[in-house]
PDB file of N, CA and C in Angstrom:
ATOM      1  N   MET A   1       0.842  -1.184   0.000  1.00  0.00           N
ATOM      2  CA  MET A   1       0.000   0.000   0.000  1.00  0.00           C
ATOM      3  C   MET A   1       0.887   1.248   0.000  1.00  0.00           C
ATOM      4  N   THR A   2       0.323   2.308  -0.485  1.00  0.00           N
ATOM      5  CA  THR A   2       1.005   3.593  -0.537  1.00  0.00           C
ATOM      6  C   THR A   2       0.440   4.502   0.537  1.00  0.00           C
ATOM      7  N   ARG A   3       1.296   5.304   1.146  1.00  0.00           N
ATOM      8  CA  ARG A   3       0.839   6.289   2.124  1.00  0.00           C
ATOM      9  C   ARG A   3       0.510   7.587   1.390  1.00  0.00           C
ATOM     10  N   PHE A   4      -0.624   8.177   1.743  1.00  0.00           N
ATOM     11  CA  PHE A   4      -1.071   9.427   1.146  1.00  0.00           C
ATOM     12  C   PHE A   4      -1.319  10.471   2.221  1.00  0.00           C
ATOM     13  N   VAL A   5      -1.044  11.729   1.880  1.00  0.00           N
ATOM     14  CA  VAL A   5      -1.439  12.864   2.706  1.00  0.00           C
ATOM     15  C   VAL A   5      -2.585  13.544   1.968  1.00  0.00           C
ATOM     16  N   ILE A   6      -3.696  13.730   2.686  1.00  0.00           N
ATOM     17  CA  ILE A   6      -4.883  14.354   2.101  1.00  0.00           C
ATOM     18  C   ILE A   6      -5.090  15.701   2.775  1.00  0.00           C
ATOM     19  N   GLU A   7      -5.215  16.738   1.968  1.00  0.00           N
ATOM     20  CA  GLU A   7      -5.506  18.074   2.474  1.00  0.00           C
ATOM     21  C   GLU A   7      -6.987  18.350   2.251  1.00  0.00           C
ATOM     22  N   ARG A   8      -7.683  18.653   3.346  1.00  0.00           N
ATOM     23  CA  ARG A   8      -9.114  18.917   3.291  1.00  0.00           C
ATOM     24  C   ARG A   8      -9.368  20.348   3.755  1.00  0.00           C
ATOM     25  N   GLU A   9      -9.897  21.179   2.875  1.00  0.00           N
ATOM     26  CA  GLU A   9     -10.226  22.555   3.241  1.00  0.00           C
ATOM     27  C   GLU A   9     -11.609  22.577   3.875  1.00  0.00           C
ATOM     28  N   ILE A  10     -11.649  22.924   5.162  1.00  0.00           N
ATOM     29  CA  ILE A  10     -12.901  22.954   5.919  1.00  0.00           C
ATOM     30  C   ILE A  10     -12.914  24.243   6.736  1.00  0.00           C
ATOM     31  N   PRO A  11     -13.599  25.275   6.243  1.00  0.00           N
ATOM     32  CA  PRO A  11     -13.642  26.533   6.992  1.00  0.00           C
ATOM     33  C   PRO A  11     -14.082  26.302   8.437  1.00  0.00           C
ATOM     34  N   GLY A  12     -13.329  26.871   9.372  1.00  0.00           N
ATOM     35  CA  GLY A  12     -13.647  26.719  10.781  1.00  0.00           C
ATOM     36  C   GLY A  12     -13.216  25.397  11.384  1.00  0.00           C
ATOM     37  N   ALA A  13     -12.398  24.632  10.689  1.00  0.00           N
ATOM     38  CA  ALA A  13     -11.991  23.316  11.191  1.00  0.00           C
ATOM     39  C   ALA A  13     -11.404  23.412  12.595  1.00  0.00           C
ATOM     40  N   LYS A  14     -10.624  24.458  12.861  1.00  0.00           N
ATOM     41  CA  LYS A  14      -9.977  24.598  14.172  1.00  0.00           C
ATOM     42  C   LYS A  14     -10.986  24.736  15.307  1.00  0.00           C
ATOM     43  N   ASP A  15     -12.232  25.067  14.976  1.00  0.00           N
ATOM     44  CA  ASP A  15     -13.263  25.253  15.993  1.00  0.00           C
ATOM     45  C   ASP A  15     -14.153  24.024  16.178  1.00  0.00           C
ATOM     46  N   LEU A  16     -13.868  22.935  15.455  1.00  0.00           N
ATOM     47  CA  LEU A  16     -14.672  21.719  15.616  1.00  0.00           C
ATOM     48  C   LEU A  16     -14.533  21.190  17.040  1.00  0.00           C
ATOM     49  N   THR A  17     -15.646  20.776  17.619  1.00  0.00           N
ATOM     50  CA  THR A  17     -15.634  20.232  18.979  1.00  0.00           C
ATOM     51  C   THR A  17     -15.196  18.770  18.953  1.00  0.00           C
ATOM     52  N   GLN A  18     -14.893  18.241  20.129  1.00  0.00           N
ATOM     53  CA  GLN A  18     -14.533  16.827  20.222  1.00  0.00           C
ATOM     54  C   GLN A  18     -15.692  15.951  19.763  1.00  0.00           C
ATOM     55  N   ASP A  19     -16.923  16.349  20.072  1.00  0.00           N
ATOM     56  CA  ASP A  19     -18.090  15.585  19.605  1.00  0.00           C
ATOM     57  C   ASP A  19     -18.173  15.598  18.086  1.00  0.00           C
ATOM     58  N   GLN A  20     -17.914  16.739  17.464  1.00  0.00           N
ATOM     59  CA  GLN A  20     -17.940  16.822  16.000  1.00  0.00           C
ATOM     60  C   GLN A  20     -16.817  15.994  15.392  1.00  0.00           C
ATOM     61  N   LEU A  21     -15.631  16.036  15.990  1.00  0.00           N
ATOM     62  CA  LEU A  21     -14.524  15.217  15.487  1.00  0.00           C
ATOM     63  C   LEU A  21     -14.829  13.735  15.632  1.00  0.00           C
ATOM     64  N   ALA A  22     -15.491  13.360  16.735  1.00  0.00           N
ATOM     65  CA  ALA A  22     -15.874  11.954  16.928  1.00  0.00           C
ATOM     66  C   ALA A  22     -16.868  11.516  15.859  1.00  0.00           C
ATOM     67  N   GLU A  23     -17.797  12.390  15.506  1.00  0.00           N
ATOM     68  CA  GLU A  23     -18.772  12.059  14.454  1.00  0.00           C
ATOM     69  C   GLU A  23     -18.073  11.919  13.108  1.00  0.00           C
ATOM     70  N   ILE A  24     -17.128  12.799  12.815  1.00  0.00           N
ATOM     71  CA  ILE A  24     -16.346  12.694  11.579  1.00  0.00           C
ATOM     72  C   ILE A  24     -15.591  11.364  11.569  1.00  0.00           C
ATOM     73  N   ALA A  25     -15.018  10.991  12.705  1.00  0.00           N
ATOM     74  CA  ALA A  25     -14.277   9.724  12.793  1.00  0.00           C
ATOM     75  C   ALA A  25     -15.194   8.535  12.542  1.00  0.00           C
ATOM     76  N   ARG A  26     -16.397   8.563  13.118  1.00  0.00           N
ATOM     77  CA  ARG A  26     -17.350   7.460  12.878  1.00  0.00           C
ATOM     78  C   ARG A  26     -17.709   7.374  11.393  1.00  0.00           C
ATOM     79  N   THR A  27     -17.930   8.518  10.781  1.00  0.00           N
ATOM     80  CA  THR A  27     -18.267   8.545   9.347  1.00  0.00           C
ATOM     81  C   THR A  27     -17.111   8.012   8.514  1.00  0.00           C
ATOM     82  N   SER A  28     -15.890   8.419   8.858  1.00  0.00           N
ATOM     83  CA  SER A  28     -14.715   7.947   8.128  1.00  0.00           C
ATOM     84  C   SER A  28     -14.538   6.446   8.292  1.00  0.00           C
ATOM     85  N   ASN A  29     -14.691   5.959   9.531  1.00  0.00           N
ATOM     86  CA  ASN A  29     -14.557   4.514   9.771  1.00  0.00           C
ATOM     87  C   ASN A  29     -15.571   3.721   8.960  1.00  0.00           C
ATOM     88  N   ALA A  30     -16.812   4.217   8.879  1.00  0.00           N
ATOM     89  CA  ALA A  30     -17.846   3.536   8.089  1.00  0.00           C
ATOM     90  C   ALA A  30     -17.481   3.551   6.607  1.00  0.00           C
ATOM     91  N   ALA A  31     -16.938   4.675   6.127  1.00  0.00           N
ATOM     92  CA  ALA A  31     -16.526   4.754   4.719  1.00  0.00           C
ATOM     93  C   ALA A  31     -15.394   3.774   4.436  1.00  0.00           C
ATOM     94  N   VAL A  32     -14.431   3.672   5.358  1.00  0.00           N
ATOM     95  CA  VAL A  32     -13.331   2.712   5.195  1.00  0.00           C
ATOM     96  C   VAL A  32     -13.899   1.301   5.104  1.00  0.00           C
ATOM     97  N   GLU A  33     -14.798   0.964   6.026  1.00  0.00           N
ATOM     98  CA  GLU A  33     -15.389  -0.379   6.054  1.00  0.00           C
ATOM     99  C   GLU A  33     -16.141  -0.690   4.763  1.00  0.00           C
ATOM    100  N   SER A  34     -16.813   0.307   4.214  1.00  0.00           N
ATOM    101  CA  SER A  34     -17.630   0.088   3.013  1.00  0.00           C
ATOM    102  C   SER A  34     -16.802  -0.124   1.752  1.00  0.00           C
ATOM    103  N   LEU A  35     -15.532   0.272   1.772  1.00  0.00           N
ATOM    104  CA  LEU A  35     -14.703   0.150   0.573  1.00  0.00           C
ATOM    105  C   LEU A  35     -14.462  -1.305   0.185  1.00  0.00           C
ATOM    106  N   GLY A  36     -14.318  -2.184   1.178  1.00  0.00           N
ATOM    107  CA  GLY A  36     -14.104  -3.594   0.886  1.00  0.00           C
ATOM    108  C   GLY A  36     -12.739  -3.918   0.322  1.00  0.00           C
ATOM    109  N   VAL A  37     -11.790  -2.999   0.488  1.00  0.00           N
ATOM    110  CA  VAL A  37     -10.417  -3.215   0.026  1.00  0.00           C
ATOM    111  C   VAL A  37      -9.479  -2.795   1.159  1.00  0.00           C
ATOM    112  N   PRO A  38      -8.219  -3.231   1.106  1.00  0.00           N
ATOM    113  CA  PRO A  38      -7.279  -2.801   2.138  1.00  0.00           C
ATOM    114  C   PRO A  38      -7.174  -1.270   2.166  1.00  0.00           C
ATOM    115  N   TYR A  39      -7.365  -0.702   3.346  1.00  0.00           N
ATOM    116  CA  TYR A  39      -7.350   0.750   3.494  1.00  0.00           C
ATOM    117  C   TYR A  39      -7.181   1.060   4.971  1.00  0.00           C
ATOM    118  N   THR A  40      -6.260   1.948   5.299  1.00  0.00           N
ATOM    119  CA  THR A  40      -6.029   2.307   6.693  1.00  0.00           C
ATOM    120  C   THR A  40      -6.001   3.819   6.847  1.00  0.00           C
ATOM    121  N   TRP A  41      -6.846   4.315   7.740  1.00  0.00           N
ATOM    122  CA  TRP A  41      -6.758   5.721   8.145  1.00  0.00           C
ATOM    123  C   TRP A  41      -5.750   5.740   9.289  1.00  0.00           C
ATOM    124  N   VAL A  42      -4.628   6.405   9.098  1.00  0.00           N
ATOM    125  CA  VAL A  42      -3.550   6.406  10.076  1.00  0.00           C
ATOM    126  C   VAL A  42      -3.788   7.458  11.153  1.00  0.00           C
ATOM    127  N   THR A  43      -3.957   8.707  10.746  1.00  0.00           N
ATOM    128  CA  THR A  43      -4.207   9.803  11.690  1.00  0.00           C
ATOM    129  C   THR A  43      -4.623  11.045  10.926  1.00  0.00           C
ATOM    130  N   SER A  44      -5.083  12.049  11.663  1.00  0.00           N
ATOM    131  CA  SER A  44      -5.450  13.335  11.073  1.00  0.00           C
ATOM    132  C   SER A  44      -5.019  14.462  11.993  1.00  0.00           C
ATOM    133  N   TYR A  45      -4.755  15.616  11.383  1.00  0.00           N
ATOM    134  CA  TYR A  45      -4.338  16.808  12.111  1.00  0.00           C
ATOM    135  C   TYR A  45      -5.231  17.969  11.710  1.00  0.00           C
ATOM    136  N   VAL A  46      -5.720  18.717  12.691  1.00  0.00           N
ATOM    137  CA  VAL A  46      -6.509  19.913  12.429  1.00  0.00           C
ATOM    138  C   VAL A  46      -5.582  21.106  12.566  1.00  0.00           C
ATOM    139  N   ALA A  47      -5.550  21.955  11.537  1.00  0.00           N
ATOM    140  CA  ALA A  47      -4.691  23.139  11.548  1.00  0.00           C
ATOM    141  C   ALA A  47      -5.411  24.265  10.803  1.00  0.00           C
ATOM    142  N   GLY A  48      -5.851  25.254  11.551  1.00  0.00           N
ATOM    143  CA  GLY A  48      -6.550  26.374  10.927  1.00  0.00           C
ATOM    144  C   GLY A  48      -7.825  25.914  10.254  1.00  0.00           C
ATOM    145  N   ASP A  49      -7.971  26.244   8.992  1.00  0.00           N
ATOM    146  CA  ASP A  49      -9.157  25.880   8.220  1.00  0.00           C
ATOM    147  C   ASP A  49      -8.947  24.620   7.388  1.00  0.00           C
ATOM    148  N   LYS A  50      -8.031  23.779   7.822  1.00  0.00           N
ATOM    149  CA  LYS A  50      -7.746  22.548   7.079  1.00  0.00           C
ATOM    150  C   LYS A  50      -7.608  21.374   8.031  1.00  0.00           C
ATOM    151  N   ILE A  51      -7.894  20.207   7.482  1.00  0.00           N
ATOM    152  CA  ILE A  51      -7.590  18.951   8.164  1.00  0.00           C
ATOM    153  C   ILE A  51      -6.664  18.183   7.230  1.00  0.00           C
ATOM    154  N   TYR A  52      -5.547  17.731   7.772  1.00  0.00           N
ATOM    155  CA  TYR A  52      -4.578  16.936   7.026  1.00  0.00           C
ATOM    156  C   TYR A  52      -4.691  15.505   7.526  1.00  0.00           C
ATOM    157  N   CYS A  53      -4.913  14.592   6.612  1.00  0.00           N
ATOM    158  CA  CYS A  53      -5.097  13.188   6.967  1.00  0.00           C
ATOM    159  C   CYS A  53      -3.996  12.348   6.334  1.00  0.00           C
ATOM    160  N   VAL A  54      -3.620  11.293   7.036  1.00  0.00           N
ATOM    161  CA  VAL A  54      -2.651  10.332   6.527  1.00  0.00           C
ATOM    162  C   VAL A  54      -3.388   9.002   6.395  1.00  0.00           C
ATOM    163  N   HIS A  55      -3.426   8.486   5.176  1.00  0.00           N
ATOM    164  CA  HIS A  55      -4.115   7.228   4.891  1.00  0.00           C
ATOM    165  C   HIS A  55      -3.190   6.327   4.088  1.00  0.00           C
ATOM    166  N   ASP A  56      -3.339   5.023   4.263  1.00  0.00           N
ATOM    167  CA  ASP A  56      -2.650   4.027   3.446  1.00  0.00           C
ATOM    168  C   ASP A  56      -3.687   3.372   2.542  1.00  0.00           C
ATOM    169  N   ALA A  57      -3.403   3.365   1.240  1.00  0.00           N
ATOM    170  CA  ALA A  57      -4.336   2.792   0.264  1.00  0.00           C
ATOM    171  C   ALA A  57      -3.555   2.303  -0.945  1.00  0.00           C
ATOM    172  N   GLU A  58      -4.235   1.544  -1.780  1.00  0.00           N
ATOM    173  CA  GLU A  58      -3.594   1.040  -2.998  1.00  0.00           C
ATOM    174  C   GLU A  58      -3.313   2.149  -4.001  1.00  0.00           C
ATOM    175  N   ASP A  59      -4.228   3.137  -4.083  1.00  0.00           N
ATOM    176  CA  ASP A  59      -4.063   4.198  -5.075  1.00  0.00           C
ATOM    177  C   ASP A  59      -4.877   5.425  -4.665  1.00  0.00           C
ATOM    178  N   ALA A  60      -4.606   6.534  -5.347  1.00  0.00           N
ATOM    179  CA  ALA A  60      -5.282   7.799  -5.042  1.00  0.00           C
ATOM    180  C   ALA A  60      -6.781   7.717  -5.316  1.00  0.00           C
ATOM    181  N   GLU A  61      -7.184   6.955  -6.303  1.00  0.00           N
ATOM    182  CA  GLU A  61      -8.617   6.836  -6.606  1.00  0.00           C
ATOM    183  C   GLU A  61      -9.378   6.239  -5.427  1.00  0.00           C
ATOM    184  N   THR A  62      -8.775   5.300  -4.720  1.00  0.00           N
ATOM    185  CA  THR A  62      -9.422   4.715  -3.545  1.00  0.00           C
ATOM    186  C   THR A  62      -9.549   5.755  -2.437  1.00  0.00           C
ATOM    187  N   VAL A  63      -8.543   6.596  -2.284  1.00  0.00           N
ATOM    188  CA  VAL A  63      -8.613   7.695  -1.311  1.00  0.00           C
ATOM    189  C   VAL A  63      -9.767   8.631  -1.674  1.00  0.00           C
ATOM    190  N   LEU A  64      -9.896   8.957  -2.947  1.00  0.00           N
ATOM    191  CA  LEU A  64     -10.984   9.835  -3.395  1.00  0.00           C
ATOM    192  C   LEU A  64     -12.348   9.173  -3.207  1.00  0.00           C
ATOM    193  N   GLU A  65     -12.414   7.861  -3.402  1.00  0.00           N
ATOM    194  CA  GLU A  65     -13.680   7.151  -3.178  1.00  0.00           C
ATOM    195  C   GLU A  65     -14.049   7.189  -1.699  1.00  0.00           C
ATOM    196  N   HIS A  66     -13.082   7.027  -0.825  1.00  0.00           N
ATOM    197  CA  HIS A  66     -13.331   7.156   0.619  1.00  0.00           C
ATOM    198  C   HIS A  66     -13.919   8.538   0.918  1.00  0.00           C
ATOM    199  N   ALA A  67     -13.337   9.579   0.332  1.00  0.00           N
ATOM    200  CA  ALA A  67     -13.833  10.944   0.547  1.00  0.00           C
ATOM    201  C   ALA A  67     -15.270  11.087   0.047  1.00  0.00           C
ATOM    202  N   ARG A  68     -15.558  10.542  -1.125  1.00  0.00           N
ATOM    203  CA  ARG A  68     -16.926  10.620  -1.673  1.00  0.00           C
ATOM    204  C   ARG A  68     -17.914   9.925  -0.753  1.00  0.00           C
ATOM    205  N   ARG A  69     -17.565   8.723  -0.322  1.00  0.00           N
ATOM    206  CA  ARG A  69     -18.484   7.958   0.541  1.00  0.00           C
ATOM    207  C   ARG A  69     -18.684   8.625   1.892  1.00  0.00           C
ATOM    208  N   GLY A  70     -17.655   9.302   2.387  1.00  0.00           N
ATOM    209  CA  GLY A  70     -17.757   9.968   3.677  1.00  0.00           C
ATOM    210  C   GLY A  70     -18.322  11.377   3.602  1.00  0.00           C
ATOM    211  N   GLY A  71     -18.413  11.908   2.380  1.00  0.00           N
ATOM    212  CA  GLY A  71     -18.882  13.276   2.225  1.00  0.00           C
ATOM    213  C   GLY A  71     -17.836  14.303   2.626  1.00  0.00           C
ATOM    214  N   PHE A  72     -16.559  13.929   2.523  1.00  0.00           N
ATOM    215  CA  PHE A  72     -15.462  14.806   2.901  1.00  0.00           C
ATOM    216  C   PHE A  72     -14.832  15.444   1.671  1.00  0.00           C
ATOM    217  N   PRO A  73     -14.333  16.681   1.798  1.00  0.00           N
ATOM    218  CA  PRO A  73     -13.532  17.215   0.695  1.00  0.00           C
ATOM    219  C   PRO A  73     -12.175  16.507   0.674  1.00  0.00           C
ATOM    220  N   ALA A  74     -11.600  16.420  -0.482  1.00  0.00           N
ATOM    221  CA  ALA A  74     -10.226  15.920  -0.632  1.00  0.00           C
ATOM    222  C   ALA A  74      -9.577  16.837  -1.656  1.00  0.00           C
ATOM    223  N   ASN A  75      -9.212  18.037  -1.194  1.00  0.00           N
ATOM    224  CA  ASN A  75      -8.731  19.075  -2.091  1.00  0.00           C
ATOM    225  C   ASN A  75      -7.395  18.743  -2.728  1.00  0.00           C
ATOM    226  N   LYS A  76      -6.574  17.995  -2.003  1.00  0.00           N
ATOM    227  CA  LYS A  76      -5.284  17.581  -2.552  1.00  0.00           C
ATOM    228  C   LYS A  76      -4.920  16.229  -1.965  1.00  0.00           C
ATOM    229  N   VAL A  77      -4.582  15.288  -2.831  1.00  0.00           N
ATOM    230  CA  VAL A  77      -4.165  13.947  -2.417  1.00  0.00           C
ATOM    231  C   VAL A  77      -2.761  13.730  -2.982  1.00  0.00           C
ATOM    232  N   THR A  78      -1.807  13.504  -2.075  1.00  0.00           N
ATOM    233  CA  THR A  78      -0.412  13.388  -2.485  1.00  0.00           C
ATOM    234  C   THR A  78       0.188  12.103  -1.933  1.00  0.00           C
ATOM    235  N   ALA A  79       0.807  11.329  -2.805  1.00  0.00           N
ATOM    236  CA  ALA A  79       1.520  10.123  -2.363  1.00  0.00           C
ATOM    237  C   ALA A  79       2.796  10.544  -1.637  1.00  0.00           C
ATOM    238  N   VAL A  80       3.087   9.891  -0.528  1.00  0.00           N
ATOM    239  CA  VAL A  80       4.290  10.176   0.245  1.00  0.00           C
ATOM    240  C   VAL A  80       5.473   9.500  -0.447  1.00  0.00           C
ATOM    241  N   ALA A  81       6.518  10.277  -0.725  1.00  0.00           N
ATOM    242  CA  ALA A  81       7.705   9.737  -1.387  1.00  0.00           C
ATOM    243  C   ALA A  81       8.619   9.023  -0.397  1.00  0.00           C
ATOM    244  N   SER A  82       8.756   9.583   0.810  1.00  0.00           N
ATOM    245  CA  SER A  82       9.553   8.947   1.856  1.00  0.00           C
ATOM    246  C   SER A  82       9.195   9.576   3.193  1.00  0.00           C
ATOM    247  N   GLU A  83       9.548   8.877   4.258  1.00  0.00           N
ATOM    248  CA  GLU A  83       9.301   9.360   5.609  1.00  0.00           C
ATOM    249  C   GLU A  83      10.625   9.410   6.357  1.00  0.00           C
ATOM    250  N   PHE A  84      10.765  10.413   7.247  1.00  0.00           N
ATOM    251  CA  PHE A  84      11.937  10.488   8.095  1.00  0.00           C
ATOM    252  C   PHE A  84      11.585  11.250   9.363  1.00  0.00           C
ATOM    253  N   GLY A  85      12.450  11.144  10.336  1.00  0.00           N
ATOM    254  CA  GLY A  85      12.233  11.819  11.607  1.00  0.00           C
ATOM    255  C   GLY A  85      13.551  12.007  12.326  1.00  0.00           C
ATOM    256  N   PRO A  86      13.513  12.391  13.596  1.00  0.00           N
ATOM    257  CA  PRO A  86      14.716  12.678  14.348  1.00  0.00           C
ATOM    258  C   PRO A  86      15.723  11.530  14.351  1.00  0.00           C
ATOM    259  N   ARG A  87      15.227  10.308  14.425  1.00  0.00           N
ATOM    260  CA  ARG A  87      16.126   9.150  14.504  1.00  0.00           C
ATOM    261  C   ARG A  87      16.812   8.859  13.172  1.00  0.00           C
ATOM    262  N   THR A  88      16.327   9.460  12.076  1.00  0.00           N
ATOM    263  CA  THR A  88      16.957   9.282  10.779  1.00  0.00           C
ATOM    264  C   THR A  88      18.403   9.785  10.822  1.00  0.00           C
ATOM    265  N   ALA A  89      18.670  10.805  11.636  1.00  0.00           N
ATOM    266  CA  ALA A  89      20.000  11.386  11.725  1.00  0.00           C
ATOM    267  C   ALA A  89      21.067  10.405  12.192  1.00  0.00           C
ATOM    268  N   ASP A  90      20.662   9.428  13.024  1.00  0.00           N
ATOM    269  CA  ASP A  90      21.643   8.460  13.518  1.00  0.00           C
ATOM    270  C   ASP A  90      21.570   7.117  12.806  1.00  0.00           C
ATOM    271  N   GLY A  91      20.885   7.092  11.662  1.00  0.00           N
ATOM    272  CA  GLY A  91      20.831   5.879  10.854  1.00  0.00           C
ATOM    273  C   GLY A  91      19.790   4.889  11.303  1.00  0.00           C
ATOM    274  N   SER A  92      18.957   5.246  12.273  1.00  0.00           N
ATOM    275  CA  SER A  92      17.934   4.330  12.789  1.00  0.00           C
ATOM    276  C   SER A  92      16.725   4.292  11.884  1.00  0.00           C
TER     277      SER A  92
END
């Protein structure tokens, strides 16, 4: 599977309540389940008027289908070329 970063433009996203985020999560989980193919929602970040999501899927079209089924915007879907972090500096 390929890792994707999805940028979702949602005005007022930073003001979503925990209850609203929980409802979004339930909707996303149901959309994942309905796909019937390998698909993993890894995590999401709320920043300003956007939500950035990290998903693992076979292809970008499957990510877009998840968005359609969930009723979510998917303004930009980008395949991750590589991942690194602090431990990358020491060869770990």
